[in-house]
């Protein structure tokens, strides 16, 4: 595999490679709690539609990106400020794909790898939109997402034990929304 090849992984293969993924996670996010990460990953790996993409350089994992569709009744949007328009937070299990983590080892940053990982994960998704959360103080990361076409939709509180007290949420259209195609 070349240095910029993207490999798609399902939940089973991701589970088998979790040790490798954790090593990149701790390097990319040194101030986050690995125990919290492991607990969240166990639930995420059981989510229908989970998908991950990875890259390698000289056989070593250099980055990853993964997520899953938001289930009907998802709490992802709970407490969103400002209040969204009616229907915005309605989830069906097929409407919105949530990007959970995007990580690139520091030594491999600045080469377009994060963009390739994210694009690789979202390419061919059946959902109409994708969402992701960023820490409010990650100004450079948020500016990067905005350059890539992601739109800020508001802030939502983190749950107890999560890495942040608040998260800034972004969305991007993956295809035209069904209701948008019938409106003028």
N, C-alpha and C. Protein backbone atom coordinates (compact mmCIF):
# COMPACT_ATOMS: atom_id res chain seq x y z
N UNK A 1 0.85 -1.19 0.00
CA UNK A 1 0.00 0.00 0.00
C UNK A 1 0.88 1.24 0.00
N UNK A 2 0.58 2.20 -0.86
CA UNK A 2 1.34 3.44 -0.95
C UNK A 2 1.07 4.36 0.22
N UNK A 3 1.84 5.44 0.36
CA UNK A 3 1.72 6.32 1.52
C UNK A 3 0.41 7.09 1.61
N UNK A 4 -0.32 7.25 0.49
CA UNK A 4 -1.56 8.02 0.54
C UNK A 4 -2.78 7.17 0.21
N UNK A 5 -2.62 5.86 0.14
CA UNK A 5 -3.77 5.00 -0.14
C UNK A 5 -4.73 4.99 1.04
N UNK A 6 -6.01 5.00 0.71
CA UNK A 6 -7.06 4.95 1.72
C UNK A 6 -7.58 3.52 1.79
N UNK A 7 -7.66 2.97 2.98
CA UNK A 7 -8.23 1.63 3.17
C UNK A 7 -9.53 1.77 3.95
N UNK A 8 -10.60 1.21 3.45
CA UNK A 8 -11.90 1.23 4.12
C UNK A 8 -12.01 0.02 5.03
N UNK A 9 -12.48 0.25 6.26
CA UNK A 9 -12.61 -0.83 7.25
C UNK A 9 -14.03 -0.86 7.79
N UNK A 10 -14.57 -2.05 7.97
CA UNK A 10 -15.85 -2.18 8.66
C UNK A 10 -15.57 -2.31 10.16
N UNK A 11 -16.62 -2.51 10.94
CA UNK A 11 -16.46 -2.56 12.40
C UNK A 11 -15.59 -3.73 12.84
N UNK A 12 -15.74 -4.87 12.21
CA UNK A 12 -14.97 -6.05 12.62
C UNK A 12 -13.47 -5.84 12.42
N UNK A 13 -13.08 -5.35 11.26
CA UNK A 13 -11.67 -5.11 10.99
C UNK A 13 -11.16 -3.98 11.88
N UNK A 14 -11.97 -2.95 12.08
CA UNK A 14 -11.57 -1.85 12.97
C UNK A 14 -11.33 -2.36 14.38
N UNK A 15 -12.19 -3.25 14.85
CA UNK A 15 -12.03 -3.83 16.19
C UNK A 15 -10.70 -4.59 16.28
N UNK A 16 -10.37 -5.33 15.21
CA UNK A 16 -9.10 -6.08 15.18
C UNK A 16 -7.89 -5.16 15.20
N UNK A 17 -8.03 -3.96 14.67
CA UNK A 17 -6.91 -3.01 14.57
C UNK A 17 -6.98 -1.90 15.62
N UNK A 18 -7.81 -2.09 16.62
CA UNK A 18 -8.04 -1.02 17.60
C UNK A 18 -6.77 -0.60 18.33
N UNK A 19 -5.89 -1.53 18.62
CA UNK A 19 -4.63 -1.16 19.28
C UNK A 19 -3.82 -0.18 18.45
N UNK A 20 -3.75 -0.41 17.16
CA UNK A 20 -3.04 0.48 16.25
C UNK A 20 -3.73 1.84 16.17
N UNK A 21 -5.05 1.83 16.10
CA UNK A 21 -5.82 3.06 16.03
C UNK A 21 -5.65 3.86 17.33
N UNK A 22 -5.67 3.16 18.46
CA UNK A 22 -5.47 3.84 19.75
C UNK A 22 -4.11 4.52 19.83
N UNK A 23 -3.09 3.89 19.27
CA UNK A 23 -1.75 4.49 19.31
C UNK A 23 -1.74 5.83 18.56
N UNK A 24 -2.40 5.89 17.41
CA UNK A 24 -2.49 7.14 16.67
C UNK A 24 -3.35 8.14 17.44
N UNK A 25 -4.45 7.67 18.01
CA UNK A 25 -5.34 8.54 18.79
C UNK A 25 -4.57 9.22 19.92
N UNK A 26 -3.80 8.47 20.69
CA UNK A 26 -3.08 9.07 21.82
C UNK A 26 -2.01 10.05 21.36
N UNK A 27 -1.43 9.80 20.19
CA UNK A 27 -0.43 10.73 19.66
C UNK A 27 -1.10 12.00 19.13
N UNK A 28 -2.25 11.84 18.48
CA UNK A 28 -2.95 12.98 17.90
C UNK A 28 -3.69 13.81 18.95
N UNK A 29 -4.19 13.14 20.01
CA UNK A 29 -4.97 13.80 21.06
C UNK A 29 -4.37 13.48 22.43
N UNK A 30 -3.17 13.96 22.72
CA UNK A 30 -2.49 13.56 23.96
C UNK A 30 -3.19 14.00 25.24
N UNK A 31 -4.05 15.02 25.18
CA UNK A 31 -4.72 15.50 26.38
C UNK A 31 -6.08 14.84 26.61
N UNK A 32 -6.48 13.89 25.75
CA UNK A 32 -7.75 13.20 25.93
C UNK A 32 -7.54 11.88 26.67
N UNK A 33 -8.58 11.45 27.36
CA UNK A 33 -8.55 10.26 28.19
C UNK A 33 -8.76 9.00 27.35
N UNK A 34 -7.77 8.11 27.35
CA UNK A 34 -7.85 6.89 26.55
C UNK A 34 -8.95 5.96 27.06
N UNK A 35 -9.21 5.94 28.35
CA UNK A 35 -10.29 5.09 28.89
C UNK A 35 -11.65 5.55 28.36
N UNK A 36 -11.87 6.86 28.31
CA UNK A 36 -13.11 7.40 27.74
C UNK A 36 -13.21 7.02 26.27
N UNK A 37 -12.10 7.15 25.55
CA UNK A 37 -12.07 6.79 24.13
C UNK A 37 -12.46 5.31 23.94
N UNK A 38 -11.86 4.44 24.73
CA UNK A 38 -12.15 3.00 24.61
C UNK A 38 -13.62 2.70 24.87
N UNK A 39 -14.19 3.35 25.86
CA UNK A 39 -15.61 3.13 26.18
C UNK A 39 -16.50 3.60 25.04
N UNK A 40 -16.21 4.78 24.50
CA UNK A 40 -17.00 5.29 23.37
C UNK A 40 -16.85 4.40 22.15
N UNK A 41 -15.64 3.92 21.89
CA UNK A 41 -15.41 3.08 20.71
C UNK A 41 -16.18 1.76 20.79
N UNK A 42 -16.30 1.18 21.96
CA UNK A 42 -17.04 -0.08 22.08
C UNK A 42 -18.48 0.10 21.61
N UNK A 43 -19.11 1.20 22.01
CA UNK A 43 -20.47 1.48 21.56
C UNK A 43 -20.51 1.80 20.08
N UNK A 44 -19.57 2.59 19.62
CA UNK A 44 -19.55 3.00 18.22
C UNK A 44 -19.34 1.82 17.28
N UNK A 45 -18.47 0.90 17.66
CA UNK A 45 -18.20 -0.27 16.82
C UNK A 45 -19.42 -1.17 16.68
N UNK A 46 -20.40 -1.01 17.56
CA UNK A 46 -21.64 -1.78 17.48
C UNK A 46 -22.72 -1.04 16.69
N UNK A 47 -22.45 0.17 16.27
CA UNK A 47 -23.44 0.98 15.56
C UNK A 47 -23.62 0.48 14.13
N UNK A 48 -24.87 0.32 13.70
CA UNK A 48 -25.10 -0.05 12.29
C UNK A 48 -24.52 1.01 11.36
N UNK A 49 -23.84 0.58 10.32
CA UNK A 49 -23.29 1.51 9.35
C UNK A 49 -21.93 2.08 9.70
N UNK A 50 -21.32 1.62 10.81
CA UNK A 50 -19.99 2.11 11.17
C UNK A 50 -19.03 1.86 10.01
N UNK A 51 -18.20 2.88 9.75
CA UNK A 51 -17.16 2.73 8.73
C UNK A 51 -15.95 3.53 9.17
N UNK A 52 -14.78 3.03 8.83
CA UNK A 52 -13.53 3.73 9.10
C UNK A 52 -12.68 3.73 7.84
N UNK A 53 -11.81 4.71 7.73
CA UNK A 53 -10.79 4.74 6.69
C UNK A 53 -9.46 5.02 7.38
N UNK A 54 -8.41 4.42 6.83
CA UNK A 54 -7.07 4.60 7.40
C UNK A 54 -6.08 4.84 6.28
N UNK A 55 -4.92 5.36 6.66
CA UNK A 55 -3.79 5.51 5.75
C UNK A 55 -2.55 4.98 6.44
N UNK A 56 -1.61 4.56 5.63
CA UNK A 56 -0.34 4.03 6.14
C UNK A 56 0.81 4.64 5.36
N UNK A 57 1.95 4.69 6.03
CA UNK A 57 3.20 5.05 5.38
C UNK A 57 4.23 4.04 5.88
N UNK A 58 4.85 3.35 4.92
CA UNK A 58 5.83 2.31 5.28
C UNK A 58 5.24 1.35 6.31
N UNK A 59 4.04 0.91 6.08
CA UNK A 59 3.28 -0.07 6.87
C UNK A 59 2.79 0.45 8.23
N UNK A 60 3.18 1.64 8.63
CA UNK A 60 2.73 2.20 9.92
C UNK A 60 1.48 3.05 9.69
N UNK A 61 0.51 2.89 10.56
CA UNK A 61 -0.71 3.67 10.49
C UNK A 61 -0.38 5.15 10.71
N UNK A 62 -0.82 6.01 9.78
CA UNK A 62 -0.52 7.44 9.89
C UNK A 62 -1.75 8.27 10.23
N UNK A 63 -2.94 7.72 9.95
CA UNK A 63 -4.15 8.47 10.24
C UNK A 63 -5.39 7.62 10.08
N UNK A 64 -6.48 8.13 10.63
CA UNK A 64 -7.76 7.44 10.52
C UNK A 64 -8.90 8.44 10.61
N UNK A 65 -10.05 8.01 10.15
CA UNK A 65 -11.28 8.78 10.25
C UNK A 65 -12.41 7.76 10.28
N UNK A 66 -13.39 7.97 11.15
CA UNK A 66 -14.49 7.02 11.20
C UNK A 66 -15.75 7.68 11.73
N UNK A 67 -16.85 6.97 11.55
CA UNK A 67 -18.13 7.46 12.02
C UNK A 67 -19.23 6.45 11.73
N UNK A 68 -20.47 6.89 11.96
CA UNK A 68 -21.64 6.04 11.77
C UNK A 68 -22.87 6.92 11.57
N UNK A 69 -23.90 6.38 10.93
CA UNK A 69 -25.14 7.15 10.80
C UNK A 69 -25.76 7.42 12.17
N UNK A 70 -26.39 8.58 12.30
CA UNK A 70 -27.13 8.89 13.52
C UNK A 70 -28.43 8.09 13.52
N UNK A 71 -28.68 7.39 14.60
CA UNK A 71 -29.89 6.56 14.72
C UNK A 71 -31.11 7.44 14.94
N UNK A 72 -32.26 6.90 14.61
CA UNK A 72 -33.52 7.59 14.93
C UNK A 72 -33.53 7.82 16.43
N UNK A 73 -33.91 9.02 16.85
CA UNK A 73 -33.92 9.34 18.28
C UNK A 73 -32.55 9.69 18.84
N UNK A 74 -31.56 9.90 17.99
CA UNK A 74 -30.22 10.25 18.44
C UNK A 74 -30.25 11.50 19.32
N UNK A 75 -29.33 11.55 20.27
CA UNK A 75 -29.21 12.72 21.15
C UNK A 75 -28.15 13.70 20.65
N UNK A 76 -27.60 13.47 19.48
CA UNK A 76 -26.52 14.30 18.92
C UNK A 76 -26.85 15.79 18.96
N UNK A 77 -28.08 16.14 18.65
CA UNK A 77 -28.47 17.55 18.52
C UNK A 77 -29.05 18.13 19.81
N UNK A 78 -29.19 17.33 20.87
CA UNK A 78 -29.83 17.80 22.11
C UNK A 78 -29.13 19.05 22.66
N UNK A 79 -29.91 20.06 22.98
CA UNK A 79 -29.38 21.29 23.56
C UNK A 79 -28.72 22.22 22.57
N UNK A 80 -28.91 21.99 21.28
CA UNK A 80 -28.26 22.82 20.25
C UNK A 80 -28.70 24.28 20.38
N UNK A 81 -27.69 25.15 20.44
CA UNK A 81 -27.90 26.60 20.53
C UNK A 81 -27.12 27.24 19.40
N UNK A 82 -27.75 28.06 18.57
CA UNK A 82 -29.14 28.48 18.63
C UNK A 82 -30.07 27.34 18.20
N UNK A 83 -31.34 27.50 18.59
CA UNK A 83 -32.34 26.49 18.25
C UNK A 83 -32.41 26.36 16.73
N UNK A 84 -32.38 25.13 16.23
CA UNK A 84 -32.43 24.93 14.78
C UNK A 84 -33.84 25.05 14.24
N UNK A 85 -33.97 25.17 12.92
CA UNK A 85 -35.31 25.23 12.32
C UNK A 85 -36.05 23.90 12.52
N UNK A 86 -37.37 23.92 12.45
CA UNK A 86 -38.14 22.68 12.60
C UNK A 86 -37.67 21.60 11.63
N UNK A 87 -37.55 20.38 12.15
CA UNK A 87 -37.16 19.24 11.35
C UNK A 87 -35.67 19.04 11.18
N UNK A 88 -34.87 20.04 11.53
CA UNK A 88 -33.42 19.95 11.32
C UNK A 88 -32.81 18.79 12.09
N UNK A 89 -33.30 18.54 13.31
CA UNK A 89 -32.69 17.52 14.16
C UNK A 89 -33.36 16.14 14.03
N UNK A 90 -34.34 16.02 13.16
CA UNK A 90 -35.02 14.74 12.98
C UNK A 90 -34.08 13.74 12.31
N UNK A 91 -33.88 12.62 12.98
CA UNK A 91 -33.01 11.58 12.44
C UNK A 91 -33.80 10.31 12.17
N UNK A 92 -33.40 9.60 11.13
CA UNK A 92 -34.10 8.39 10.70
C UNK A 92 -33.20 7.17 10.73
N UNK A 93 -31.91 7.37 10.97
CA UNK A 93 -30.94 6.29 10.85
C UNK A 93 -30.31 6.27 9.46
N UNK A 94 -30.88 7.08 8.55
CA UNK A 94 -30.36 7.14 7.18
C UNK A 94 -30.16 8.57 6.69
N UNK A 95 -30.43 9.55 7.54
CA UNK A 95 -30.36 10.95 7.11
C UNK A 95 -28.97 11.56 7.27
N UNK A 96 -28.32 11.32 8.42
CA UNK A 96 -27.08 12.02 8.76
C UNK A 96 -25.99 11.04 9.15
N UNK A 97 -24.82 11.20 8.57
CA UNK A 97 -23.64 10.43 8.95
C UNK A 97 -22.81 11.29 9.88
N UNK A 98 -22.49 10.78 11.07
CA UNK A 98 -21.69 11.52 12.04
C UNK A 98 -20.23 11.09 11.95
N UNK A 99 -19.36 12.04 11.64
CA UNK A 99 -17.93 11.81 11.67
C UNK A 99 -17.51 11.98 13.13
N UNK A 100 -16.97 10.92 13.71
CA UNK A 100 -16.66 10.94 15.14
C UNK A 100 -15.22 11.39 15.41
N UNK A 101 -14.28 10.82 14.72
CA UNK A 101 -12.88 11.21 14.93
C UNK A 101 -12.15 11.25 13.60
N UNK A 102 -11.26 12.22 13.49
CA UNK A 102 -10.33 12.37 12.37
C UNK A 102 -8.98 12.67 13.01
N UNK A 103 -8.01 11.81 12.75
CA UNK A 103 -6.70 11.98 13.39
C UNK A 103 -5.58 11.65 12.42
N UNK A 104 -4.54 12.47 12.45
CA UNK A 104 -3.34 12.25 11.66
C UNK A 104 -2.16 12.43 12.62
N UNK A 105 -1.22 11.51 12.55
CA UNK A 105 -0.02 11.64 13.39
C UNK A 105 0.65 12.99 13.09
N UNK A 106 1.12 13.68 14.12
CA UNK A 106 1.73 15.00 13.91
C UNK A 106 2.82 15.03 12.84
N UNK A 107 3.63 14.00 12.74
CA UNK A 107 4.71 13.98 11.75
C UNK A 107 4.20 13.93 10.31
N UNK A 108 2.92 13.61 10.12
CA UNK A 108 2.35 13.48 8.77
C UNK A 108 1.35 14.58 8.45
N UNK A 109 1.23 15.56 9.31
CA UNK A 109 0.28 16.65 9.08
C UNK A 109 0.82 17.63 8.05
N UNK A 110 -0.11 18.42 7.48
CA UNK A 110 0.28 19.44 6.52
C UNK A 110 0.49 18.91 5.12
N UNK A 111 0.05 17.70 4.84
CA UNK A 111 0.24 17.08 3.53
C UNK A 111 -1.09 16.76 2.84
N UNK A 112 -2.19 17.25 3.40
CA UNK A 112 -3.49 16.98 2.81
C UNK A 112 -4.09 15.65 3.20
N UNK A 113 -3.47 14.97 4.14
CA UNK A 113 -3.92 13.64 4.54
C UNK A 113 -5.27 13.68 5.24
N UNK A 114 -5.50 14.65 6.10
CA UNK A 114 -6.79 14.74 6.80
C UNK A 114 -7.93 14.92 5.81
N UNK A 115 -7.73 15.76 4.83
CA UNK A 115 -8.77 15.98 3.81
C UNK A 115 -9.04 14.71 3.03
N UNK A 116 -7.99 13.99 2.66
CA UNK A 116 -8.16 12.72 1.93
C UNK A 116 -8.89 11.70 2.78
N UNK A 117 -8.57 11.63 4.04
CA UNK A 117 -9.27 10.70 4.93
C UNK A 117 -10.75 11.03 5.03
N UNK A 118 -11.05 12.29 5.27
CA UNK A 118 -12.45 12.71 5.42
C UNK A 118 -13.22 12.52 4.10
N UNK A 119 -12.63 12.93 3.00
CA UNK A 119 -13.28 12.73 1.71
C UNK A 119 -13.47 11.25 1.41
N UNK A 120 -12.48 10.44 1.76
CA UNK A 120 -12.58 9.00 1.55
C UNK A 120 -13.69 8.37 2.37
N UNK A 121 -13.87 8.84 3.58
CA UNK A 121 -14.93 8.31 4.44
C UNK A 121 -16.30 8.69 3.90
N UNK A 122 -16.45 9.91 3.42
CA UNK A 122 -17.76 10.39 3.01
C UNK A 122 -18.12 10.05 1.57
N UNK A 123 -17.15 9.70 0.75
CA UNK A 123 -17.42 9.37 -0.65
C UNK A 123 -18.35 8.16 -0.72
N UNK A 124 -19.42 8.32 -1.46
CA UNK A 124 -20.34 7.20 -1.67
C UNK A 124 -21.32 6.95 -0.54
N UNK A 125 -21.31 7.77 0.50
CA UNK A 125 -22.28 7.59 1.59
C UNK A 125 -23.68 7.83 1.06
N UNK A 126 -24.64 7.10 1.56
CA UNK A 126 -26.03 7.22 1.11
C UNK A 126 -26.79 8.34 1.83
N UNK A 127 -26.29 8.80 2.96
CA UNK A 127 -26.98 9.83 3.73
C UNK A 127 -27.00 11.15 2.97
N UNK A 128 -27.95 12.02 3.34
CA UNK A 128 -28.05 13.32 2.66
C UNK A 128 -27.06 14.34 3.21
N UNK A 129 -26.59 14.14 4.44
CA UNK A 129 -25.67 15.10 5.04
C UNK A 129 -24.74 14.38 6.02
N UNK A 130 -23.68 15.09 6.41
CA UNK A 130 -22.77 14.60 7.43
C UNK A 130 -22.64 15.69 8.48
N UNK A 131 -22.27 15.29 9.68
CA UNK A 131 -22.06 16.21 10.77
C UNK A 131 -20.77 15.82 11.50
N UNK A 132 -20.19 16.77 12.18
CA UNK A 132 -19.05 16.51 13.05
C UNK A 132 -19.05 17.53 14.17
N UNK A 133 -18.32 17.20 15.22
CA UNK A 133 -18.21 18.08 16.38
C UNK A 133 -16.75 18.46 16.58
N UNK A 134 -16.53 19.71 16.98
CA UNK A 134 -15.19 20.20 17.26
C UNK A 134 -15.20 20.92 18.60
N UNK A 135 -14.09 20.85 19.30
CA UNK A 135 -13.96 21.59 20.55
C UNK A 135 -14.01 23.08 20.25
N UNK A 136 -14.71 23.86 21.08
CA UNK A 136 -14.85 25.30 20.82
C UNK A 136 -13.53 26.06 20.72
N UNK A 137 -12.49 25.59 21.39
CA UNK A 137 -11.22 26.32 21.35
C UNK A 137 -10.29 25.86 20.22
N UNK A 138 -10.74 24.95 19.38
CA UNK A 138 -9.93 24.47 18.26
C UNK A 138 -10.17 25.35 17.03
N UNK A 139 -9.74 26.59 17.11
CA UNK A 139 -10.02 27.58 16.07
C UNK A 139 -9.41 27.21 14.72
N UNK A 140 -8.19 26.71 14.70
CA UNK A 140 -7.55 26.35 13.43
C UNK A 140 -8.26 25.15 12.79
N UNK A 141 -8.66 24.20 13.60
CA UNK A 141 -9.36 23.03 13.07
C UNK A 141 -10.72 23.44 12.54
N UNK A 142 -11.41 24.29 13.26
CA UNK A 142 -12.72 24.75 12.78
C UNK A 142 -12.57 25.56 11.48
N UNK A 143 -11.54 26.37 11.39
CA UNK A 143 -11.30 27.13 10.15
C UNK A 143 -11.03 26.17 8.99
N UNK A 144 -10.31 25.08 9.25
CA UNK A 144 -10.05 24.08 8.23
C UNK A 144 -11.36 23.46 7.73
N UNK A 145 -12.24 23.08 8.65
CA UNK A 145 -13.52 22.50 8.24
C UNK A 145 -14.33 23.50 7.41
N UNK A 146 -14.32 24.75 7.81
CA UNK A 146 -15.05 25.77 7.07
C UNK A 146 -14.48 25.94 5.66
N UNK A 147 -13.15 25.91 5.52
CA UNK A 147 -12.54 25.98 4.18
C UNK A 147 -12.99 24.82 3.31
N UNK A 148 -13.23 23.69 3.94
CA UNK A 148 -13.63 22.49 3.21
C UNK A 148 -15.14 22.44 2.94
N UNK A 149 -15.87 23.48 3.32
CA UNK A 149 -17.29 23.56 3.01
C UNK A 149 -18.25 23.19 4.12
N UNK A 150 -17.74 22.87 5.30
CA UNK A 150 -18.61 22.55 6.43
C UNK A 150 -19.22 23.84 6.96
N UNK A 151 -20.47 23.78 7.39
CA UNK A 151 -21.20 24.95 7.89
C UNK A 151 -21.47 24.78 9.39
N UNK A 152 -21.09 25.80 10.15
CA UNK A 152 -21.35 25.82 11.59
C UNK A 152 -22.85 25.92 11.82
N UNK A 153 -23.40 25.06 12.71
CA UNK A 153 -24.83 25.11 13.00
C UNK A 153 -25.14 25.45 14.45
N UNK A 154 -24.15 25.40 15.32
CA UNK A 154 -24.39 25.75 16.71
C UNK A 154 -23.54 24.95 17.67
N UNK A 155 -23.83 25.15 18.93
CA UNK A 155 -23.06 24.53 20.02
C UNK A 155 -24.00 23.65 20.83
N UNK A 156 -23.49 22.51 21.28
CA UNK A 156 -24.26 21.58 22.09
C UNK A 156 -23.43 21.15 23.29
N UNK A 157 -24.08 20.91 24.42
CA UNK A 157 -23.31 20.50 25.61
C UNK A 157 -22.79 19.08 25.48
N UNK A 158 -21.60 18.86 26.02
CA UNK A 158 -21.07 17.50 26.10
C UNK A 158 -21.74 16.75 27.24
N UNK A 159 -21.67 15.46 27.18
CA UNK A 159 -22.22 14.63 28.25
C UNK A 159 -21.18 14.47 29.36
N UNK A 160 -21.61 14.13 30.57
CA UNK A 160 -20.64 13.91 31.65
C UNK A 160 -19.59 12.88 31.24
N UNK A 161 -18.33 13.20 31.51
CA UNK A 161 -17.23 12.30 31.21
C UNK A 161 -16.66 12.45 29.80
N UNK A 162 -17.30 13.26 28.95
CA UNK A 162 -16.77 13.45 27.61
C UNK A 162 -15.55 14.36 27.64
N UNK A 163 -14.86 14.42 26.52
CA UNK A 163 -13.61 15.17 26.44
C UNK A 163 -13.80 16.68 26.56
N UNK A 164 -14.99 17.17 26.24
CA UNK A 164 -15.26 18.61 26.27
C UNK A 164 -16.60 18.88 26.96
N UNK A 165 -16.72 20.07 27.56
CA UNK A 165 -18.00 20.48 28.16
C UNK A 165 -18.99 20.90 27.08
N UNK A 166 -18.48 21.43 25.97
CA UNK A 166 -19.30 21.90 24.85
C UNK A 166 -18.64 21.48 23.55
N UNK A 167 -19.46 21.33 22.51
CA UNK A 167 -18.97 21.02 21.17
C UNK A 167 -19.62 21.95 20.16
N UNK A 168 -18.84 22.41 19.19
CA UNK A 168 -19.38 23.17 18.07
C UNK A 168 -19.69 22.16 16.97
N UNK A 169 -20.93 22.19 16.46
CA UNK A 169 -21.37 21.23 15.47
C UNK A 169 -21.37 21.86 14.08
N UNK A 170 -20.97 21.05 13.11
CA UNK A 170 -20.91 21.44 11.71
C UNK A 170 -21.67 20.42 10.88
N UNK A 171 -22.17 20.86 9.72
CA UNK A 171 -22.82 19.96 8.77
C UNK A 171 -22.31 20.27 7.37
N UNK A 172 -22.42 19.28 6.51
CA UNK A 172 -22.13 19.44 5.09
C UNK A 172 -23.11 18.56 4.32
N UNK A 173 -23.61 19.07 3.22
CA UNK A 173 -24.53 18.29 2.39
C UNK A 173 -23.74 17.26 1.61
N UNK A 174 -24.23 16.04 1.60
CA UNK A 174 -23.63 14.99 0.79
C UNK A 174 -24.39 14.82 -0.53
N UNK A 175 -25.66 15.24 -0.51
CA UNK A 175 -26.52 15.26 -1.70
C UNK A 175 -27.70 16.16 -1.37
N UNK A 176 -28.44 16.59 -2.36
CA UNK A 176 -29.57 17.47 -2.07
C UNK A 176 -30.59 16.80 -1.14
N UNK A 177 -31.08 17.57 -0.18
CA UNK A 177 -32.11 17.07 0.73
C UNK A 177 -33.39 16.83 -0.07
N UNK A 178 -34.15 15.77 0.23
CA UNK A 178 -35.37 15.48 -0.53
C UNK A 178 -36.35 16.65 -0.56
N UNK A 179 -36.53 17.34 0.59
CA UNK A 179 -37.48 18.46 0.62
C UNK A 179 -36.96 19.66 -0.14
N UNK A 180 -35.65 19.81 -0.27
CA UNK A 180 -35.08 20.95 -0.98
C UNK A 180 -35.32 20.84 -2.48
N UNK A 181 -35.39 19.62 -3.00
CA UNK A 181 -35.56 19.47 -4.45
C UNK A 181 -36.95 19.83 -4.93
N UNK A 182 -37.94 19.85 -4.01
CA UNK A 182 -39.30 20.17 -4.42
C UNK A 182 -39.67 21.62 -4.13
N UNK A 183 -38.79 22.37 -3.48
CA UNK A 183 -39.10 23.77 -3.16
C UNK A 183 -38.49 24.69 -4.21
N UNK A 184 -39.07 25.86 -4.31
CA UNK A 184 -38.60 26.83 -5.30
C UNK A 184 -37.53 27.72 -4.73
